[in-house]
Amino acid sequence: MPVAWEGPIWAYADWCDSLLEDVLFRIASPLVRDRIFTQPNERALLTFIKERKFGAACVDDWRKTQGSLLARAREPLLPTCASLGHKPFIVGENATLADAALYGLFAMLKRADAGLLDAFDPLLKSWMERLEAVAEQCAQRR
């Protein structure tokens, strides 16, 4: 993490892990329940856990409101996309914690339904590919 950018990078990672994650996990949860937790007992447990925190029928409500949740997620990502239009990673030429924080959320969406990525600016998809290539290069060095 470049020392000169440490504060903004941590702030971005914290934003991802709080405000952005809140809306993205609501988008992913119904799909995760239906596609990954396929056994009735698994689905019931996931639903129970979410409903304890967010209220009865929350997962079904998130499914019904997916379009508005996607809009809520896209808007705060506009500055990130604007930056990615000018540089390969969120804070510059190299991947940082900011990239890792955002990547984790988009990996969750991709796992839930890879088609969800098409609901976002295409710059985010190409950014994910760049970040995955960097991760692969790092893994090969080990």
C-alpha atoms as a PDB file:
ATOM      1  CA  MET A   1       0.000   0.000   0.000  1.00  0.00           C
ATOM      2  CA  PRO A   2       1.585   3.300  -1.030  1.00  0.00           C
ATOM      3  CA  VAL A   3       2.074   5.360   2.135  1.00  0.00           C
ATOM      4  CA  ALA A   4       0.858   8.536   0.438  1.00  0.00           C
ATOM      5  CA  TRP A   5      -2.452   6.809  -0.359  1.00  0.00           C
ATOM      6  CA  GLU A   6      -2.874   4.770   2.818  1.00  0.00           C
ATOM      7  CA  GLY A   7      -5.693   6.906   4.249  1.00  0.00           C
ATOM      8  CA  PRO A   8      -7.830   6.992   1.089  1.00  0.00           C
ATOM      9  CA  ILE A   9      -7.198   3.300   0.426  1.00  0.00           C
ATOM     10  CA  TRP A  10      -8.339   2.304   3.918  1.00  0.00           C
ATOM     11  CA  ALA A  11     -11.341   4.631   3.644  1.00  0.00           C
ATOM     12  CA  TYR A  12     -12.328   3.050   0.330  1.00  0.00           C
ATOM     13  CA  ALA A  13     -11.942  -0.470   1.746  1.00  0.00           C
ATOM     14  CA  ASP A  14     -14.072   0.491   4.760  1.00  0.00           C
ATOM     15  CA  TRP A  15     -16.727   1.947   2.454  1.00  0.00           C
ATOM     16  CA  CYS A  16     -16.779  -1.278   0.443  1.00  0.00           C
ATOM     17  CA  ASP A  17     -17.063  -3.365   3.595  1.00  0.00           C
ATOM     18  CA  SER A  18     -19.984  -1.360   4.927  1.00  0.00           C
ATOM     19  CA  LEU A  19     -22.221   0.738   2.704  1.00  0.00           C
ATOM     20  CA  LEU A  20     -21.544  -0.962  -0.613  1.00  0.00           C
ATOM     21  CA  GLU A  21     -21.553  -4.468   0.827  1.00  0.00           C
ATOM     22  CA  ASP A  22     -24.958  -3.845   2.403  1.00  0.00           C
ATOM     23  CA  VAL A  23     -26.651  -3.371  -0.946  1.00  0.00           C
ATOM     24  CA  LEU A  24     -24.603  -5.918  -2.929  1.00  0.00           C
ATOM     25  CA  PHE A  25     -25.211  -8.730  -0.460  1.00  0.00           C
ATOM     26  CA  ARG A  26     -28.960  -8.032  -0.683  1.00  0.00           C
ATOM     27  CA  ILE A  27     -28.692  -8.501  -4.448  1.00  0.00           C
ATOM     28  CA  ALA A  28     -26.709 -11.727  -4.109  1.00  0.00           C
ATOM     29  CA  SER A  29     -28.525 -13.363  -1.183  1.00  0.00           C
ATOM     30  CA  PRO A  30     -31.648 -14.610  -3.006  1.00  0.00           C
ATOM     31  CA  LEU A  31     -29.503 -16.025  -5.804  1.00  0.00           C
ATOM     32  CA  VAL A  32     -27.097 -17.661  -3.383  1.00  0.00           C
ATOM     33  CA  ARG A  33     -30.035 -19.209  -1.556  1.00  0.00           C
ATOM     34  CA  ASP A  34     -31.519 -20.602  -4.755  1.00  0.00           C
ATOM     35  CA  ARG A  35     -28.376 -21.646  -6.631  1.00  0.00           C
ATOM     36  CA  ILE A  36     -25.882 -22.648  -3.979  1.00  0.00           C
ATOM     37  CA  PHE A  37     -28.003 -23.706  -1.006  1.00  0.00           C
ATOM     38  CA  THR A  38     -30.038 -26.241  -2.926  1.00  0.00           C
ATOM     39  CA  GLN A  39     -31.083 -28.540  -0.085  1.00  0.00           C
ATOM     40  CA  PRO A  40     -34.252 -27.487   1.776  1.00  0.00           C
ATOM     41  CA  ASN A  41     -32.474 -27.490   5.156  1.00  0.00           C
ATOM     42  CA  GLU A  42     -29.663 -25.293   3.758  1.00  0.00           C
ATOM     43  CA  ARG A  43     -32.144 -22.851   2.240  1.00  0.00           C
ATOM     44  CA  ALA A  44     -34.127 -22.720   5.461  1.00  0.00           C
ATOM     45  CA  LEU A  45     -31.010 -22.014   7.533  1.00  0.00           C
ATOM     46  CA  LEU A  46     -29.847 -19.212   5.245  1.00  0.00           C
ATOM     47  CA  THR A  47     -33.340 -17.696   5.240  1.00  0.00           C
ATOM     48  CA  PHE A  48     -33.581 -17.997   9.034  1.00  0.00           C
ATOM     49  CA  ILE A  49     -30.217 -16.292   9.552  1.00  0.00           C
ATOM     50  CA  LYS A  50     -31.081 -13.392   7.234  1.00  0.00           C
ATOM     51  CA  GLU A  51     -34.595 -12.970   8.639  1.00  0.00           C
ATOM     52  CA  ARG A  52     -33.294 -12.835  12.221  1.00  0.00           C
ATOM     53  CA  LYS A  53     -31.308  -9.740  11.310  1.00  0.00           C
ATOM     54  CA  PHE A  54     -33.327  -8.134   8.524  1.00  0.00           C
ATOM     55  CA  GLY A  55     -36.920  -9.203   9.149  1.00  0.00           C
ATOM     56  CA  ALA A  56     -39.449 -11.680   7.852  1.00  0.00           C
ATOM     57  CA  ALA A  57     -39.410 -12.366   4.107  1.00  0.00           C
ATOM     58  CA  CYS A  58     -36.363 -10.115   3.578  1.00  0.00           C
ATOM     59  CA  VAL A  59     -34.695 -12.488   1.092  1.00  0.00           C
ATOM     60  CA  ASP A  60     -37.884 -12.705  -0.980  1.00  0.00           C
ATOM     61  CA  ASP A  61     -38.256  -8.927  -0.789  1.00  0.00           C
ATOM     62  CA  TRP A  62     -34.685  -8.467  -2.032  1.00  0.00           C
ATOM     63  CA  ARG A  63     -35.479 -10.689  -4.996  1.00  0.00           C
ATOM     64  CA  LYS A  64     -38.530  -8.566  -5.849  1.00  0.00           C
ATOM     65  CA  THR A  65     -36.583  -5.318  -5.561  1.00  0.00           C
ATOM     66  CA  GLN A  66     -33.413  -6.462  -7.348  1.00  0.00           C
ATOM     67  CA  GLY A  67     -33.762  -3.747 -10.009  1.00  0.00           C
ATOM     68  CA  SER A  68     -33.857  -0.917  -7.488  1.00  0.00           C
ATOM     69  CA  LEU A  69     -31.046  -2.524  -5.478  1.00  0.00           C
ATOM     70  CA  LEU A  70     -28.900  -2.649  -8.612  1.00  0.00           C
ATOM     71  CA  ALA A  71     -29.582   1.052  -9.203  1.00  0.00           C
ATOM     72  CA  ARG A  72     -28.619   1.774  -5.577  1.00  0.00           C
ATOM     73  CA  ALA A  73     -25.360  -0.116  -6.115  1.00  0.00           C
ATOM     74  CA  ARG A  74     -24.453   1.435  -9.473  1.00  0.00           C
ATOM     75  CA  GLU A  75     -24.742   5.072  -8.451  1.00  0.00           C
ATOM     76  CA  PRO A  76     -22.074   5.152  -5.720  1.00  0.00           C
ATOM     77  CA  LEU A  77     -19.751   3.211  -8.037  1.00  0.00           C
ATOM     78  CA  LEU A  78     -19.796   5.966 -10.672  1.00  0.00           C
ATOM     79  CA  PRO A  79     -16.649   7.701  -9.309  1.00  0.00           C
ATOM     80  CA  THR A  80     -14.837   4.362  -9.180  1.00  0.00           C
ATOM     81  CA  CYS A  81     -15.767   3.664 -12.794  1.00  0.00           C
ATOM     82  CA  ALA A  82     -14.648   7.155 -13.788  1.00  0.00           C
ATOM     83  CA  SER A  83     -11.261   6.463 -12.193  1.00  0.00           C
ATOM     84  CA  LEU A  84     -11.007   3.054 -13.862  1.00  0.00           C
ATOM     85  CA  GLY A  85     -11.553   4.786 -17.184  1.00  0.00           C
ATOM     86  CA  HIS A  86      -8.177   6.491 -16.680  1.00  0.00           C
ATOM     87  CA  LYS A  87      -6.071   3.988 -14.778  1.00  0.00           C
ATOM     88  CA  PRO A  88      -5.935   0.203 -14.426  1.00  0.00           C
ATOM     89  CA  PHE A  89      -6.689  -0.002 -10.704  1.00  0.00           C
ATOM     90  CA  ILE A  90      -8.711   2.014  -8.233  1.00  0.00           C
ATOM     91  CA  VAL A  91      -5.828   4.066  -6.872  1.00  0.00           C
ATOM     92  CA  GLY A  92      -3.391   3.922  -9.730  1.00  0.00           C
ATOM     93  CA  GLU A  93      -1.137   1.610 -11.669  1.00  0.00           C
ATOM     94  CA  ASN A  94      -0.997  -1.189  -9.089  1.00  0.00           C
ATOM     95  CA  ALA A  95      -3.592  -3.170  -7.191  1.00  0.00           C
ATOM     96  CA  THR A  96      -4.090  -2.244  -3.531  1.00  0.00           C
ATOM     97  CA  LEU A  97      -6.360  -3.105  -0.630  1.00  0.00           C
ATOM     98  CA  ALA A  98      -8.994  -0.902  -2.270  1.00  0.00           C
ATOM     99  CA  ASP A  99      -9.086  -3.260  -5.243  1.00  0.00           C
ATOM    100  CA  ALA A 100      -9.199  -6.331  -3.006  1.00  0.00           C
ATOM    101  CA  ALA A 101     -12.131  -4.938  -1.027  1.00  0.00           C
ATOM    102  CA  LEU A 102     -14.193  -4.181  -4.109  1.00  0.00           C
ATOM    103  CA  TYR A 103     -13.157  -7.412  -5.803  1.00  0.00           C
ATOM    104  CA  GLY A 104     -14.493  -9.479  -2.915  1.00  0.00           C
ATOM    105  CA  LEU A 105     -17.935  -7.966  -3.367  1.00  0.00           C
ATOM    106  CA  PHE A 106     -17.987  -8.479  -7.111  1.00  0.00           C
ATOM    107  CA  ALA A 107     -16.687 -12.037  -6.711  1.00  0.00           C
ATOM    108  CA  MET A 108     -19.708 -12.641  -4.469  1.00  0.00           C
ATOM    109  CA  LEU A 109     -22.011 -11.327  -7.210  1.00  0.00           C
ATOM    110  CA  LYS A 110     -20.216 -13.377  -9.851  1.00  0.00           C
ATOM    111  CA  ARG A 111     -20.576 -16.530  -7.746  1.00  0.00           C
ATOM    112  CA  ALA A 112     -24.277 -15.840  -7.212  1.00  0.00           C
ATOM    113  CA  ASP A 113     -24.880 -15.170 -10.914  1.00  0.00           C
ATOM    114  CA  ALA A 114     -22.133 -14.172 -13.356  1.00  0.00           C
ATOM    115  CA  GLY A 115     -24.772 -12.348 -15.403  1.00  0.00           C
ATOM    116  CA  LEU A 116     -25.105  -9.787 -12.618  1.00  0.00           C
ATOM    117  CA  LEU A 117     -21.795  -8.286 -13.681  1.00  0.00           C
ATOM    118  CA  ASP A 118     -23.454  -7.166 -16.903  1.00  0.00           C
ATOM    119  CA  ALA A 119     -25.708  -4.889 -14.841  1.00  0.00           C
ATOM    120  CA  PHE A 120     -22.669  -2.737 -14.017  1.00  0.00           C
ATOM    121  CA  ASP A 121     -20.325  -0.572 -16.041  1.00  0.00           C
ATOM    122  CA  PRO A 122     -18.186  -2.779 -18.340  1.00  0.00           C
ATOM    123  CA  LEU A 123     -15.093  -1.098 -16.878  1.00  0.00           C
ATOM    124  CA  LEU A 124     -15.678  -3.105 -13.697  1.00  0.00           C
ATOM    125  CA  LYS A 125     -15.636  -6.396 -15.568  1.00  0.00           C
ATOM    126  CA  SER A 126     -12.364  -5.564 -17.323  1.00  0.00           C
ATOM    127  CA  TRP A 127     -10.923  -4.327 -13.995  1.00  0.00           C
ATOM    128  CA  MET A 128     -11.809  -7.705 -12.431  1.00  0.00           C
ATOM    129  CA  GLU A 129     -10.001  -9.479 -15.260  1.00  0.00           C
ATOM    130  CA  ARG A 130      -6.884  -7.318 -14.728  1.00  0.00           C
ATOM    131  CA  LEU A 131      -6.961  -7.987 -11.000  1.00  0.00           C
ATOM    132  CA  GLU A 132      -7.384 -11.732 -11.553  1.00  0.00           C
ATOM    133  CA  ALA A 133      -4.399 -11.679 -13.920  1.00  0.00           C
ATOM    134  CA  VAL A 134      -2.285  -9.970 -11.250  1.00  0.00           C
ATOM    135  CA  ALA A 135      -3.391 -12.548  -8.677  1.00  0.00           C
ATOM    136  CA  GLU A 136      -2.488 -15.358 -11.075  1.00  0.00           C
ATOM    137  CA  GLN A 137       0.963 -13.858 -11.663  1.00  0.00           C
ATOM    138  CA  CYS A 138       1.511 -13.636  -7.905  1.00  0.00           C
ATOM    139  CA  ALA A 139       0.417 -17.251  -7.445  1.00  0.00           C
ATOM    140  CA  GLN A 140       2.818 -18.422 -10.158  1.00  0.00           C
ATOM    141  CA  ARG A 141       5.729 -16.694  -8.412  1.00  0.00           C
ATOM    142  CA  ARG A 142       5.231 -18.739  -5.265  1.00  0.00           C
END
